[in-house]
Amino acid sequence: EIEIIALSSSCSGPQLMKYTFPIGEDQRDRESYFPLADFPLSEGITYAFTVRGKDLHDDWSEPSSCYLFPY
């Protein structure tokens, strides 16, 4: 399972939304991609995203580094 958190404007901004989706058996040994269409983004705004994953023992990883995305 993967969890993506969108933050407003900066890595220390407030959380806007959280998106969690499962990773199928056939995707576990390779990179997985997700569409930003799943988030209601507004043009001209910069968003920050972090990602974390859940392992087969239901333990979450630490969130990734924060990535800024100007839309």
PDB file of N, CA and C in Angstrom:
ATOM      1  N   GLU A   1       0.848  -1.173   0.000  1.00  0.00           N
ATOM      2  CA  GLU A   1       0.000   0.000   0.000  1.00  0.00           C
ATOM      3  C   GLU A   1       0.890   1.231   0.000  1.00  0.00           C
ATOM      4  N   ILE A   2       0.487   2.249  -0.722  1.00  0.00           N
ATOM      5  CA  ILE A   2       1.224   3.507  -0.822  1.00  0.00           C
ATOM      6  C   ILE A   2       0.317   4.633  -0.342  1.00  0.00           C
ATOM      7  N   GLU A   3       0.896   5.590   0.369  1.00  0.00           N
ATOM      8  CA  GLU A   3       0.152   6.769   0.814  1.00  0.00           C
ATOM      9  C   GLU A   3       0.885   8.009   0.321  1.00  0.00           C
ATOM     10  N   ILE A   4       0.164   8.881  -0.359  1.00  0.00           N
ATOM     11  CA  ILE A   4       0.719  10.134  -0.862  1.00  0.00           C
ATOM     12  C   ILE A   4      -0.015  11.258  -0.154  1.00  0.00           C
ATOM     13  N   ILE A   5       0.740  12.186   0.405  1.00  0.00           N
ATOM     14  CA  ILE A   5       0.151  13.320   1.108  1.00  0.00           C
ATOM     15  C   ILE A   5       0.526  14.592   0.359  1.00  0.00           C
ATOM     16  N   ALA A   6      -0.472  15.396   0.031  1.00  0.00           N
ATOM     17  CA  ALA A   6      -0.250  16.685  -0.620  1.00  0.00           C
ATOM     18  C   ALA A   6      -0.318  17.782   0.435  1.00  0.00           C
ATOM     19  N   LEU A   7       0.688  18.631   0.420  1.00  0.00           N
ATOM     20  CA  LEU A   7       0.769  19.759   1.345  1.00  0.00           C
ATOM     21  C   LEU A   7       0.642  21.052   0.546  1.00  0.00           C
ATOM     22  N   SER A   8       0.211  22.106   1.182  1.00  0.00           N
ATOM     23  CA  SER A   8       0.037  23.382   0.519  1.00  0.00           C
ATOM     24  C   SER A   8       1.334  24.176   0.490  1.00  0.00           C
ATOM     25  N   SER A   9       1.762  24.569  -0.677  1.00  0.00           N
ATOM     26  CA  SER A   9       2.815  25.555  -0.928  1.00  0.00           C
ATOM     27  C   SER A   9       4.236  25.188  -0.520  1.00  0.00           C
ATOM     28  N   SER A  10       4.428  24.501   0.586  1.00  0.00           N
ATOM     29  CA  SER A  10       5.789  24.193   1.031  1.00  0.00           C
ATOM     30  C   SER A  10       5.779  22.893   1.831  1.00  0.00           C
ATOM     31  N   CYS A  11       6.958  22.414   2.124  1.00  0.00           N
ATOM     32  CA  CYS A  11       7.068  21.155   2.863  1.00  0.00           C
ATOM     33  C   CYS A  11       6.564  21.286   4.297  1.00  0.00           C
ATOM     34  N   SER A  12       6.439  22.506   4.788  1.00  0.00           N
ATOM     35  CA  SER A  12       5.914  22.702   6.140  1.00  0.00           C
ATOM     36  C   SER A  12       4.472  23.225   6.118  1.00  0.00           C
ATOM     37  N   GLY A  13       3.865  23.245   4.929  1.00  0.00           N
ATOM     38  CA  GLY A  13       2.492  23.737   4.792  1.00  0.00           C
ATOM     39  C   GLY A  13       1.480  22.752   5.350  1.00  0.00           C
ATOM     40  N   PRO A  14       0.239  23.188   5.467  1.00  0.00           N
ATOM     41  CA  PRO A  14      -0.806  22.309   5.980  1.00  0.00           C
ATOM     42  C   PRO A  14      -1.137  21.187   5.002  1.00  0.00           C
ATOM     43  N   GLN A  15      -1.568  20.063   5.530  1.00  0.00           N
ATOM     44  CA  GLN A  15      -1.963  18.927   4.693  1.00  0.00           C
ATOM     45  C   GLN A  15      -3.262  19.265   3.973  1.00  0.00           C
ATOM     46  N   LEU A  16      -3.251  19.081   2.663  1.00  0.00           N
ATOM     47  CA  LEU A  16      -4.450  19.339   1.867  1.00  0.00           C
ATOM     48  C   LEU A  16      -5.273  18.075   1.659  1.00  0.00           C
ATOM     49  N   MET A  17      -4.589  16.999   1.321  1.00  0.00           N
ATOM     50  CA  MET A  17      -5.297  15.758   1.047  1.00  0.00           C
ATOM     51  C   MET A  17      -4.348  14.577   1.161  1.00  0.00           C
ATOM     52  N   LYS A  18      -4.931  13.414   1.342  1.00  0.00           N
ATOM     53  CA  LYS A  18      -4.172  12.173   1.459  1.00  0.00           C
ATOM     54  C   LYS A  18      -4.804  11.171   0.497  1.00  0.00           C
ATOM     55  N   TYR A  19      -3.957  10.456  -0.207  1.00  0.00           N
ATOM     56  CA  TYR A  19      -4.436   9.469  -1.176  1.00  0.00           C
ATOM     57  C   TYR A  19      -3.716   8.161  -0.879  1.00  0.00           C
ATOM     58  N   THR A  20      -4.459   7.106  -0.615  1.00  0.00           N
ATOM     59  CA  THR A  20      -3.894   5.791  -0.320  1.00  0.00           C
ATOM     60  C   THR A  20      -4.386   4.805  -1.368  1.00  0.00           C
ATOM     61  N   PHE A  21      -3.463   4.021  -1.907  1.00  0.00           N
ATOM     62  CA  PHE A  21      -3.881   3.022  -2.885  1.00  0.00           C
ATOM     63  C   PHE A  21      -3.060   1.756  -2.735  1.00  0.00           C
ATOM     64  N   PRO A  22      -3.652   0.613  -3.056  1.00  0.00           N
ATOM     65  CA  PRO A  22      -2.943  -0.667  -2.923  1.00  0.00           C
ATOM     66  C   PRO A  22      -1.962  -0.880  -4.067  1.00  0.00           C
ATOM     67  N   ILE A  23      -0.960  -1.664  -3.809  1.00  0.00           N
ATOM     68  CA  ILE A  23      -0.007  -2.095  -4.825  1.00  0.00           C
ATOM     69  C   ILE A  23      -0.235  -3.588  -5.028  1.00  0.00           C
ATOM     70  N   GLY A  24      -0.558  -3.970  -6.243  1.00  0.00           N
ATOM     71  CA  GLY A  24      -0.830  -5.370  -6.533  1.00  0.00           C
ATOM     72  C   GLY A  24       0.412  -6.241  -6.487  1.00  0.00           C
ATOM     73  N   GLU A  25       0.209  -7.527  -6.382  1.00  0.00           N
ATOM     74  CA  GLU A  25       1.317  -8.495  -6.346  1.00  0.00           C
ATOM     75  C   GLU A  25       2.273  -8.306  -7.515  1.00  0.00           C
ATOM     76  N   ASP A  26       1.731  -7.993  -8.697  1.00  0.00           N
ATOM     77  CA  ASP A  26       2.554  -7.861  -9.901  1.00  0.00           C
ATOM     78  C   ASP A  26       3.355  -6.570  -9.931  1.00  0.00           C
ATOM     79  N   GLN A  27       3.133  -5.629  -9.000  1.00  0.00           N
ATOM     80  CA  GLN A  27       3.823  -4.342  -8.989  1.00  0.00           C
ATOM     81  C   GLN A  27       4.849  -4.210  -7.866  1.00  0.00           C
ATOM     82  N   ARG A  28       4.998  -5.211  -7.049  1.00  0.00           N
ATOM     83  CA  ARG A  28       5.841  -5.067  -5.853  1.00  0.00           C
ATOM     84  C   ARG A  28       7.326  -5.005  -6.144  1.00  0.00           C
ATOM     85  N   ASP A  29       7.781  -5.536  -7.258  1.00  0.00           N
ATOM     86  CA  ASP A  29       9.211  -5.555  -7.550  1.00  0.00           C
ATOM     87  C   ASP A  29       9.631  -4.493  -8.557  1.00  0.00           C
ATOM     88  N   ARG A  30       8.807  -3.492  -8.774  1.00  0.00           N
ATOM     89  CA  ARG A  30       9.164  -2.428  -9.712  1.00  0.00           C
ATOM     90  C   ARG A  30       8.574  -1.112  -9.239  1.00  0.00           C
ATOM     91  N   GLU A  31       8.962  -0.040  -9.923  1.00  0.00           N
ATOM     92  CA  GLU A  31       8.430   1.267  -9.571  1.00  0.00           C
ATOM     93  C   GLU A  31       6.962   1.325  -9.931  1.00  0.00           C
ATOM     94  N   SER A  32       6.205   2.055  -9.134  1.00  0.00           N
ATOM     95  CA  SER A  32       4.788   2.266  -9.412  1.00  0.00           C
ATOM     96  C   SER A  32       4.555   3.756  -9.616  1.00  0.00           C
ATOM     97  N   TYR A  33       3.647   4.088 -10.477  1.00  0.00           N
ATOM     98  CA  TYR A  33       3.336   5.479 -10.766  1.00  0.00           C
ATOM     99  C   TYR A  33       1.877   5.737 -10.452  1.00  0.00           C
ATOM    100  N   PHE A  34       1.573   6.968 -10.102  1.00  0.00           N
ATOM    101  CA  PHE A  34       0.195   7.342  -9.819  1.00  0.00           C
ATOM    102  C   PHE A  34      -0.111   8.622 -10.587  1.00  0.00           C
ATOM    103  N   PRO A  35      -1.354   8.806 -11.022  1.00  0.00           N
ATOM    104  CA  PRO A  35      -1.720  10.017 -11.751  1.00  0.00           C
ATOM    105  C   PRO A  35      -2.038  11.165 -10.802  1.00  0.00           C
ATOM    106  N   LEU A  36      -1.522  12.348 -11.100  1.00  0.00           N
ATOM    107  CA  LEU A  36      -1.872  13.516 -10.290  1.00  0.00           C
ATOM    108  C   LEU A  36      -3.323  13.914 -10.502  1.00  0.00           C
ATOM    109  N   ALA A  37      -3.998  13.313 -11.481  1.00  0.00           N
ATOM    110  CA  ALA A  37      -5.417  13.584 -11.707  1.00  0.00           C
ATOM    111  C   ALA A  37      -6.249  13.161 -10.502  1.00  0.00           C
ATOM    112  N   ASP A  38      -5.691  12.323  -9.630  1.00  0.00           N
ATOM    113  CA  ASP A  38      -6.409  11.894  -8.427  1.00  0.00           C
ATOM    114  C   ASP A  38      -6.510  13.012  -7.390  1.00  0.00           C
ATOM    115  N   PHE A  39      -5.733  14.084  -7.585  1.00  0.00           N
ATOM    116  CA  PHE A  39      -5.758  15.228  -6.676  1.00  0.00           C
ATOM    117  C   PHE A  39      -6.401  16.411  -7.382  1.00  0.00           C
ATOM    118  N   PRO A  40      -7.293  17.133  -6.706  1.00  0.00           N
ATOM    119  CA  PRO A  40      -7.885  18.327  -7.315  1.00  0.00           C
ATOM    120  C   PRO A  40      -6.904  19.505  -7.203  1.00  0.00           C
ATOM    121  N   LEU A  41      -5.977  19.612  -8.146  1.00  0.00           N
ATOM    122  CA  LEU A  41      -4.955  20.656  -8.111  1.00  0.00           C
ATOM    123  C   LEU A  41      -5.435  21.908  -8.822  1.00  0.00           C
ATOM    124  N   SER A  42      -4.961  23.065  -8.357  1.00  0.00           N
ATOM    125  CA  SER A  42      -5.296  24.347  -8.976  1.00  0.00           C
ATOM    126  C   SER A  42      -4.082  24.876  -9.723  1.00  0.00           C
ATOM    127  N   GLU A  43      -4.307  25.372 -10.925  1.00  0.00           N
ATOM    128  CA  GLU A  43      -3.218  25.899 -11.734  1.00  0.00           C
ATOM    129  C   GLU A  43      -2.571  27.096 -11.062  1.00  0.00           C
ATOM    130  N   GLY A  44      -1.253  27.217 -11.221  1.00  0.00           N
ATOM    131  CA  GLY A  44      -0.518  28.340 -10.676  1.00  0.00           C
ATOM    132  C   GLY A  44      -0.122  28.181  -9.216  1.00  0.00           C
ATOM    133  N   ILE A  45      -0.375  27.034  -8.624  1.00  0.00           N
ATOM    134  CA  ILE A  45      -0.053  26.781  -7.217  1.00  0.00           C
ATOM    135  C   ILE A  45       1.095  25.773  -7.161  1.00  0.00           C
ATOM    136  N   THR A  46       1.975  25.938  -6.190  1.00  0.00           N
ATOM    137  CA  THR A  46       3.020  24.953  -5.933  1.00  0.00           C
ATOM    138  C   THR A  46       2.560  24.059  -4.798  1.00  0.00           C
ATOM    139  N   TYR A  47       2.677  22.767  -5.007  1.00  0.00           N
ATOM    140  CA  TYR A  47       2.296  21.783  -3.998  1.00  0.00           C
ATOM    141  C   TYR A  47       3.529  21.021  -3.540  1.00  0.00           C
ATOM    142  N   ALA A  48       3.467  20.493  -2.347  1.00  0.00           N
ATOM    143  CA  ALA A  48       4.520  19.637  -1.824  1.00  0.00           C
ATOM    144  C   ALA A  48       3.912  18.254  -1.592  1.00  0.00           C
ATOM    145  N   PHE A  49       4.671  17.213  -1.895  1.00  0.00           N
ATOM    146  CA  PHE A  49       4.193  15.838  -1.734  1.00  0.00           C
ATOM    147  C   PHE A  49       5.192  15.019  -0.932  1.00  0.00           C
ATOM    148  N   THR A  50       4.685  14.149  -0.095  1.00  0.00           N
ATOM    149  CA  THR A  50       5.503  13.119   0.537  1.00  0.00           C
ATOM    150  C   THR A  50       4.847  11.774   0.251  1.00  0.00           C
ATOM    151  N   VAL A  51       5.649  10.736   0.268  1.00  0.00           N
ATOM    152  CA  VAL A  51       5.161   9.393  -0.034  1.00  0.00           C
ATOM    153  C   VAL A  51       5.700   8.441   1.031  1.00  0.00           C
ATOM    154  N   ARG A  52       4.874   7.472   1.414  1.00  0.00           N
ATOM    155  CA  ARG A  52       5.348   6.405   2.292  1.00  0.00           C
ATOM    156  C   ARG A  52       4.637   5.117   1.891  1.00  0.00           C
ATOM    157  N   GLY A  53       5.190   4.011   2.303  1.00  0.00           N
ATOM    158  CA  GLY A  53       4.624   2.722   1.928  1.00  0.00           C
ATOM    159  C   GLY A  53       4.430   1.819   3.133  1.00  0.00           C
ATOM    160  N   LYS A  54       3.524   0.866   2.973  1.00  0.00           N
ATOM    161  CA  LYS A  54       3.249  -0.117   4.016  1.00  0.00           C
ATOM    162  C   LYS A  54       3.796  -1.457   3.535  1.00  0.00           C
ATOM    163  N   ASP A  55       4.517  -2.145   4.407  1.00  0.00           N
ATOM    164  CA  ASP A  55       5.087  -3.434   4.015  1.00  0.00           C
ATOM    165  C   ASP A  55       4.092  -4.571   4.257  1.00  0.00           C
ATOM    166  N   LEU A  56       4.521  -5.785   4.005  1.00  0.00           N
ATOM    167  CA  LEU A  56       3.640  -6.943   4.136  1.00  0.00           C
ATOM    168  C   LEU A  56       3.254  -7.251   5.585  1.00  0.00           C
ATOM    169  N   HIS A  57       3.924  -6.587   6.554  1.00  0.00           N
ATOM    170  CA  HIS A  57       3.607  -6.765   7.976  1.00  0.00           C
ATOM    171  C   HIS A  57       2.753  -5.621   8.506  1.00  0.00           C
ATOM    172  N   ASP A  58       2.210  -4.809   7.602  1.00  0.00           N
ATOM    173  CA  ASP A  58       1.367  -3.650   7.934  1.00  0.00           C
ATOM    174  C   ASP A  58       2.106  -2.544   8.680  1.00  0.00           C
ATOM    175  N   ASP A  59       3.412  -2.446   8.495  1.00  0.00           N
ATOM    176  CA  ASP A  59       4.202  -1.369   9.097  1.00  0.00           C
ATOM    177  C   ASP A  59       4.456  -0.301   8.035  1.00  0.00           C
ATOM    178  N   TRP A  60       4.205   0.973   8.385  1.00  0.00           N
ATOM    179  CA  TRP A  60       4.448   2.078   7.474  1.00  0.00           C
ATOM    180  C   TRP A  60       5.910   2.506   7.532  1.00  0.00           C
ATOM    181  N   SER A  61       6.454   2.886   6.392  1.00  0.00           N
ATOM    182  CA  SER A  61       7.804   3.451   6.339  1.00  0.00           C
ATOM    183  C   SER A  61       7.735   4.904   6.804  1.00  0.00           C
ATOM    184  N   GLU A  62       8.897   5.484   7.011  1.00  0.00           N
ATOM    185  CA  GLU A  62       8.956   6.924   7.264  1.00  0.00           C
ATOM    186  C   GLU A  62       8.592   7.632   5.958  1.00  0.00           C
ATOM    187  N   PRO A  63       7.988   8.813   6.024  1.00  0.00           N
ATOM    188  CA  PRO A  63       7.680   9.539   4.783  1.00  0.00           C
ATOM    189  C   PRO A  63       8.951   9.881   4.014  1.00  0.00           C
ATOM    190  N   SER A  64       8.820   9.934   2.704  1.00  0.00           N
ATOM    191  CA  SER A  64       9.947  10.295   1.855  1.00  0.00           C
ATOM    192  C   SER A  64      10.308  11.758   2.073  1.00  0.00           C
ATOM    193  N   SER A  65      11.383  12.171   1.441  1.00  0.00           N
ATOM    194  CA  SER A  65      11.691  13.592   1.390  1.00  0.00           C
ATOM    195  C   SER A  65      10.511  14.303   0.739  1.00  0.00           C
ATOM    196  N   CYS A  66      10.378  15.556   1.002  1.00  0.00           N
ATOM    197  CA  CYS A  66       9.306  16.345   0.442  1.00  0.00           C
ATOM    198  C   CYS A  66       9.701  16.803  -0.962  1.00  0.00           C
ATOM    199  N   TYR A  67       8.779  16.671  -1.902  1.00  0.00           N
ATOM    200  CA  TYR A  67       9.028  17.076  -3.282  1.00  0.00           C
ATOM    201  C   TYR A  67       8.084  18.205  -3.650  1.00  0.00           C
ATOM    202  N   LEU A  68       8.631  19.316  -4.155  1.00  0.00           N
ATOM    203  CA  LEU A  68       7.812  20.438  -4.576  1.00  0.00           C
ATOM    204  C   LEU A  68       7.415  20.262  -6.033  1.00  0.00           C
ATOM    205  N   PHE A  69       6.174  20.581  -6.335  1.00  0.00           N
ATOM    206  CA  PHE A  69       5.632  20.407  -7.669  1.00  0.00           C
ATOM    207  C   PHE A  69       4.838  21.653  -8.047  1.00  0.00           C
ATOM    208  N   PRO A  70       5.418  22.543  -8.900  1.00  0.00           N
ATOM    209  CA  PRO A  70       4.633  23.686  -9.364  1.00  0.00           C
ATOM    210  C   PRO A  70       3.658  23.222 -10.446  1.00  0.00           C
ATOM    211  N   TYR A  71       2.402  23.556 -10.293  1.00  0.00           N
ATOM    212  CA  TYR A  71       1.391  23.084 -11.229  1.00  0.00           C
ATOM    213  C   TYR A  71       0.945  24.230 -12.118  1.00  0.00           C
TER     214      TYR A  71
END
